[in-house]
Amino acid sequence: RDVYAEAKGNGFDVKALRTIVRLRKQDENERAEQETILETYMQALGML
């Protein structure tokens, strides 16, 4: 938590950092599958 507080103090977006850490912990194939599903849904909703 101290790391995130320091990062926030230096102007970093803590929410984005937490997301990056979570994604790095995932298996590469699992991450790719989730990204594909998200992209498919976003296209269906006209967001891309």
PDB file of N, CA and C in Angstrom:
ATOM      1  N   ARG A   1       0.826  -1.199   0.000  1.00  0.00           N
ATOM      2  CA  ARG A   1       0.000   0.000   0.000  1.00  0.00           C
ATOM      3  C   ARG A   1       0.862   1.251   0.000  1.00  0.00           C
ATOM      4  N   ASP A   2       1.987   1.184   0.665  1.00  0.00           N
ATOM      5  CA  ASP A   2       2.885   2.338   0.664  1.00  0.00           C
ATOM      6  C   ASP A   2       3.388   2.638  -0.739  1.00  0.00           C
ATOM      7  N   VAL A   3       3.575   1.583  -1.521  1.00  0.00           N
ATOM      8  CA  VAL A   3       4.050   1.762  -2.895  1.00  0.00           C
ATOM      9  C   VAL A   3       3.015   2.537  -3.704  1.00  0.00           C
ATOM     10  N   TYR A   4       1.745   2.172  -3.541  1.00  0.00           N
ATOM     11  CA  TYR A   4       0.690   2.865  -4.275  1.00  0.00           C
ATOM     12  C   TYR A   4       0.545   4.311  -3.809  1.00  0.00           C
ATOM     13  N   ALA A   5       0.701   4.557  -2.528  1.00  0.00           N
ATOM     14  CA  ALA A   5       0.623   5.924  -2.010  1.00  0.00           C
ATOM     15  C   ALA A   5       1.758   6.768  -2.579  1.00  0.00           C
ATOM     16  N   GLU A   6       2.937   6.178  -2.645  1.00  0.00           N
ATOM     17  CA  GLU A   6       4.082   6.901  -3.210  1.00  0.00           C
ATOM     18  C   GLU A   6       3.868   7.159  -4.697  1.00  0.00           C
ATOM     19  N   ALA A   7       3.345   6.153  -5.406  1.00  0.00           N
ATOM     20  CA  ALA A   7       3.083   6.315  -6.837  1.00  0.00           C
ATOM     21  C   ALA A   7       2.062   7.424  -7.068  1.00  0.00           C
ATOM     22  N   LYS A   8       1.014   7.455  -6.242  1.00  0.00           N
ATOM     23  CA  LYS A   8      -0.001   8.501  -6.366  1.00  0.00           C
ATOM     24  C   LYS A   8       0.615   9.870  -6.112  1.00  0.00           C
ATOM     25  N   GLY A   9       1.500   9.946  -5.134  1.00  0.00           N
ATOM     26  CA  GLY A   9       2.184  11.195  -4.835  1.00  0.00           C
ATOM     27  C   GLY A   9       3.056  11.679  -5.979  1.00  0.00           C
ATOM     28  N   ASN A  10       3.512  10.730  -6.802  1.00  0.00           N
ATOM     29  CA  ASN A  10       4.341  11.074  -7.957  1.00  0.00           C
ATOM     30  C   ASN A  10       3.517  11.277  -9.226  1.00  0.00           C
ATOM     31  N   GLY A  11       2.187  11.270  -9.084  1.00  0.00           N
ATOM     32  CA  GLY A  11       1.321  11.584 -10.212  1.00  0.00           C
ATOM     33  C   GLY A  11       0.835  10.390 -11.011  1.00  0.00           C
ATOM     34  N   PHE A  12       1.084   9.166 -10.534  1.00  0.00           N
ATOM     35  CA  PHE A  12       0.626   7.990 -11.261  1.00  0.00           C
ATOM     36  C   PHE A  12      -0.828   7.691 -10.923  1.00  0.00           C
ATOM     37  N   ASP A  13      -1.521   7.050 -11.843  1.00  0.00           N
ATOM     38  CA  ASP A  13      -2.908   6.627 -11.637  1.00  0.00           C
ATOM     39  C   ASP A  13      -2.885   5.267 -10.944  1.00  0.00           C
ATOM     40  N   VAL A  14      -3.253   5.247  -9.676  1.00  0.00           N
ATOM     41  CA  VAL A  14      -3.165   4.032  -8.861  1.00  0.00           C
ATOM     42  C   VAL A  14      -4.096   2.941  -9.400  1.00  0.00           C
ATOM     43  N   LYS A  15      -5.270   3.319  -9.866  1.00  0.00           N
ATOM     44  CA  LYS A  15      -6.204   2.333 -10.409  1.00  0.00           C
ATOM     45  C   LYS A  15      -5.578   1.615 -11.608  1.00  0.00           C
ATOM     46  N   ALA A  16      -4.920   2.355 -12.472  1.00  0.00           N
ATOM     47  CA  ALA A  16      -4.259   1.755 -13.631  1.00  0.00           C
ATOM     48  C   ALA A  16      -3.116   0.847 -13.190  1.00  0.00           C
ATOM     49  N   LEU A  17      -2.359   1.267 -12.188  1.00  0.00           N
ATOM     50  CA  LEU A  17      -1.258   0.442 -11.691  1.00  0.00           C
ATOM     51  C   LEU A  17      -1.772  -0.872 -11.115  1.00  0.00           C
ATOM     52  N   ARG A  18      -2.857  -0.810 -10.373  1.00  0.00           N
ATOM     53  CA  ARG A  18      -3.435  -2.037  -9.802  1.00  0.00           C
ATOM     54  C   ARG A  18      -3.898  -2.981 -10.911  1.00  0.00           C
ATOM     55  N   THR A  19      -4.476  -2.421 -11.960  1.00  0.00           N
ATOM     56  CA  THR A  19      -4.922  -3.230 -13.093  1.00  0.00           C
ATOM     57  C   THR A  19      -3.736  -3.905 -13.769  1.00  0.00           C
ATOM     58  N   ILE A  20      -2.656  -3.172 -13.948  1.00  0.00           N
ATOM     59  CA  ILE A  20      -1.459  -3.726 -14.575  1.00  0.00           C
ATOM     60  C   ILE A  20      -0.887  -4.864 -13.741  1.00  0.00           C
ATOM     61  N   VAL A  21      -0.819  -4.676 -12.436  1.00  0.00           N
ATOM     62  CA  VAL A  21      -0.299  -5.729 -11.552  1.00  0.00           C
ATOM     63  C   VAL A  21      -1.179  -6.972 -11.642  1.00  0.00           C
ATOM     64  N   ARG A  22      -2.502  -6.775 -11.653  1.00  0.00           N
ATOM     65  CA  ARG A  22      -3.428  -7.907 -11.751  1.00  0.00           C
ATOM     66  C   ARG A  22      -3.247  -8.645 -13.075  1.00  0.00           C
ATOM     67  N   LEU A  23      -3.093  -7.895 -14.171  1.00  0.00           N
ATOM     68  CA  LEU A  23      -2.918  -8.513 -15.482  1.00  0.00           C
ATOM     69  C   LEU A  23      -1.600  -9.276 -15.581  1.00  0.00           C
ATOM     70  N   ARG A  24      -0.559  -8.756 -14.956  1.00  0.00           N
ATOM     71  CA  ARG A  24       0.742  -9.431 -15.001  1.00  0.00           C
ATOM     72  C   ARG A  24       0.722 -10.762 -14.267  1.00  0.00           C
ATOM     73  N   LYS A  25      -0.159 -10.892 -13.281  1.00  0.00           N
ATOM     74  CA  LYS A  25      -0.263 -12.140 -12.517  1.00  0.00           C
ATOM     75  C   LYS A  25      -0.987 -13.230 -13.304  1.00  0.00           C
ATOM     76  N   GLN A  26      -1.763 -12.827 -14.313  1.00  0.00           N
ATOM     77  CA  GLN A  26      -2.548 -13.786 -15.083  1.00  0.00           C
ATOM     78  C   GLN A  26      -1.673 -14.533 -16.083  1.00  0.00           C
ATOM     79  N   ASP A  27      -2.143 -15.720 -16.438  1.00  0.00           N
ATOM     80  CA  ASP A  27      -1.522 -16.491 -17.508  1.00  0.00           C
ATOM     81  C   ASP A  27      -1.712 -15.731 -18.826  1.00  0.00           C
ATOM     82  N   GLU A  28      -0.727 -15.787 -19.694  1.00  0.00           N
ATOM     83  CA  GLU A  28      -0.777 -15.031 -20.951  1.00  0.00           C
ATOM     84  C   GLU A  28      -1.983 -15.431 -21.800  1.00  0.00           C
ATOM     85  N   ASN A  29      -2.280 -16.723 -21.869  1.00  0.00           N
ATOM     86  CA  ASN A  29      -3.423 -17.189 -22.668  1.00  0.00           C
ATOM     87  C   ASN A  29      -4.747 -16.734 -22.065  1.00  0.00           C
ATOM     88  N   GLU A  30      -4.845 -16.780 -20.752  1.00  0.00           N
ATOM     89  CA  GLU A  30      -6.060 -16.330 -20.065  1.00  0.00           C
ATOM     90  C   GLU A  30      -6.283 -14.841 -20.303  1.00  0.00           C
ATOM     91  N   ARG A  31      -5.210 -14.075 -20.238  1.00  0.00           N
ATOM     92  CA  ARG A  31      -5.298 -12.630 -20.456  1.00  0.00           C
ATOM     93  C   ARG A  31      -5.737 -12.342 -21.893  1.00  0.00           C
ATOM     94  N   ALA A  32      -5.169 -13.058 -22.857  1.00  0.00           N
ATOM     95  CA  ALA A  32      -5.519 -12.852 -24.260  1.00  0.00           C
ATOM     96  C   ALA A  32      -6.988 -13.192 -24.506  1.00  0.00           C
ATOM     97  N   GLU A  33      -7.471 -14.255 -23.872  1.00  0.00           N
ATOM     98  CA  GLU A  33      -8.870 -14.651 -24.025  1.00  0.00           C
ATOM     99  C   GLU A  33      -9.798 -13.578 -23.466  1.00  0.00           C
ATOM    100  N   GLN A  34      -9.476 -13.043 -22.303  1.00  0.00           N
ATOM    101  CA  GLN A  34     -10.303 -11.993 -21.701  1.00  0.00           C
ATOM    102  C   GLN A  34     -10.301 -10.730 -22.557  1.00  0.00           C
ATOM    103  N   GLU A  35      -9.145 -10.381 -23.122  1.00  0.00           N
ATOM    104  CA  GLU A  35      -9.063  -9.196 -23.977  1.00  0.00           C
ATOM    105  C   GLU A  35      -9.899  -9.378 -25.236  1.00  0.00           C
ATOM    106  N   THR A  36      -9.896 -10.593 -25.799  1.00  0.00           N
ATOM    107  CA  THR A  36     -10.684 -10.882 -26.992  1.00  0.00           C
ATOM    108  C   THR A  36     -12.172 -10.763 -26.699  1.00  0.00           C
ATOM    109  N   ILE A  37     -12.597 -11.323 -25.568  1.00  0.00           N
ATOM    110  CA  ILE A  37     -14.014 -11.242 -25.180  1.00  0.00           C
ATOM    111  C   ILE A  37     -14.423  -9.787 -24.967  1.00  0.00           C
ATOM    112  N   LEU A  38     -13.600  -9.025 -24.262  1.00  0.00           N
ATOM    113  CA  LEU A  38     -13.899  -7.616 -24.013  1.00  0.00           C
ATOM    114  C   LEU A  38     -14.010  -6.845 -25.328  1.00  0.00           C
ATOM    115  N   GLU A  39     -13.085  -7.090 -26.246  1.00  0.00           N
ATOM    116  CA  GLU A  39     -13.110  -6.395 -27.534  1.00  0.00           C
ATOM    117  C   GLU A  39     -14.371  -6.756 -28.320  1.00  0.00           C
ATOM    118  N   THR A  40     -14.760  -8.025 -28.286  1.00  0.00           N
ATOM    119  CA  THR A  40     -15.973  -8.473 -28.975  1.00  0.00           C
ATOM    120  C   THR A  40     -17.199  -7.751 -28.428  1.00  0.00           C
ATOM    121  N   TYR A  41     -17.310  -7.681 -27.104  1.00  0.00           N
ATOM    122  CA  TYR A  41     -18.445  -7.005 -26.477  1.00  0.00           C
ATOM    123  C   TYR A  41     -18.439  -5.514 -26.800  1.00  0.00           C
ATOM    124  N   MET A  42     -17.279  -4.904 -26.780  1.00  0.00           N
ATOM    125  CA  MET A  42     -17.191  -3.471 -27.066  1.00  0.00           C
ATOM    126  C   MET A  42     -17.599  -3.187 -28.508  1.00  0.00           C
ATOM    127  N   GLN A  43     -17.205  -4.053 -29.432  1.00  0.00           N
ATOM    128  CA  GLN A  43     -17.611  -3.878 -30.828  1.00  0.00           C
ATOM    129  C   GLN A  43     -19.122  -4.028 -30.971  1.00  0.00           C
ATOM    130  N   ALA A  44     -19.689  -5.002 -30.262  1.00  0.00           N
ATOM    131  CA  ALA A  44     -21.135  -5.226 -30.328  1.00  0.00           C
ATOM    132  C   ALA A  44     -21.912  -4.021 -29.800  1.00  0.00           C
ATOM    133  N   LEU A  45     -21.328  -3.304 -28.857  1.00  0.00           N
ATOM    134  CA  LEU A  45     -21.983  -2.134 -28.274  1.00  0.00           C
ATOM    135  C   LEU A  45     -21.626  -0.834 -28.998  1.00  0.00           C
ATOM    136  N   GLY A  46     -20.829  -0.945 -30.070  1.00  0.00           N
ATOM    137  CA  GLY A  46     -20.461   0.228 -30.846  1.00  0.00           C
ATOM    138  C   GLY A  46     -19.451   1.127 -30.158  1.00  0.00           C
ATOM    139  N   MET A  47     -18.663   0.557 -29.273  1.00  0.00           N
ATOM    140  CA  MET A  47     -17.687   1.351 -28.522  1.00  0.00           C
ATOM    141  C   MET A  47     -16.329   1.397 -29.214  1.00  0.00           C
ATOM    142  N   LEU A  48     -16.152   0.598 -30.255  1.00  0.00           N
ATOM    143  CA  LEU A  48     -14.884   0.600 -31.000  1.00  0.00           C
ATOM    144  C   LEU A  48     -15.116   1.002 -32.426  1.00  0.00           C
TER     145      LEU A  48
END
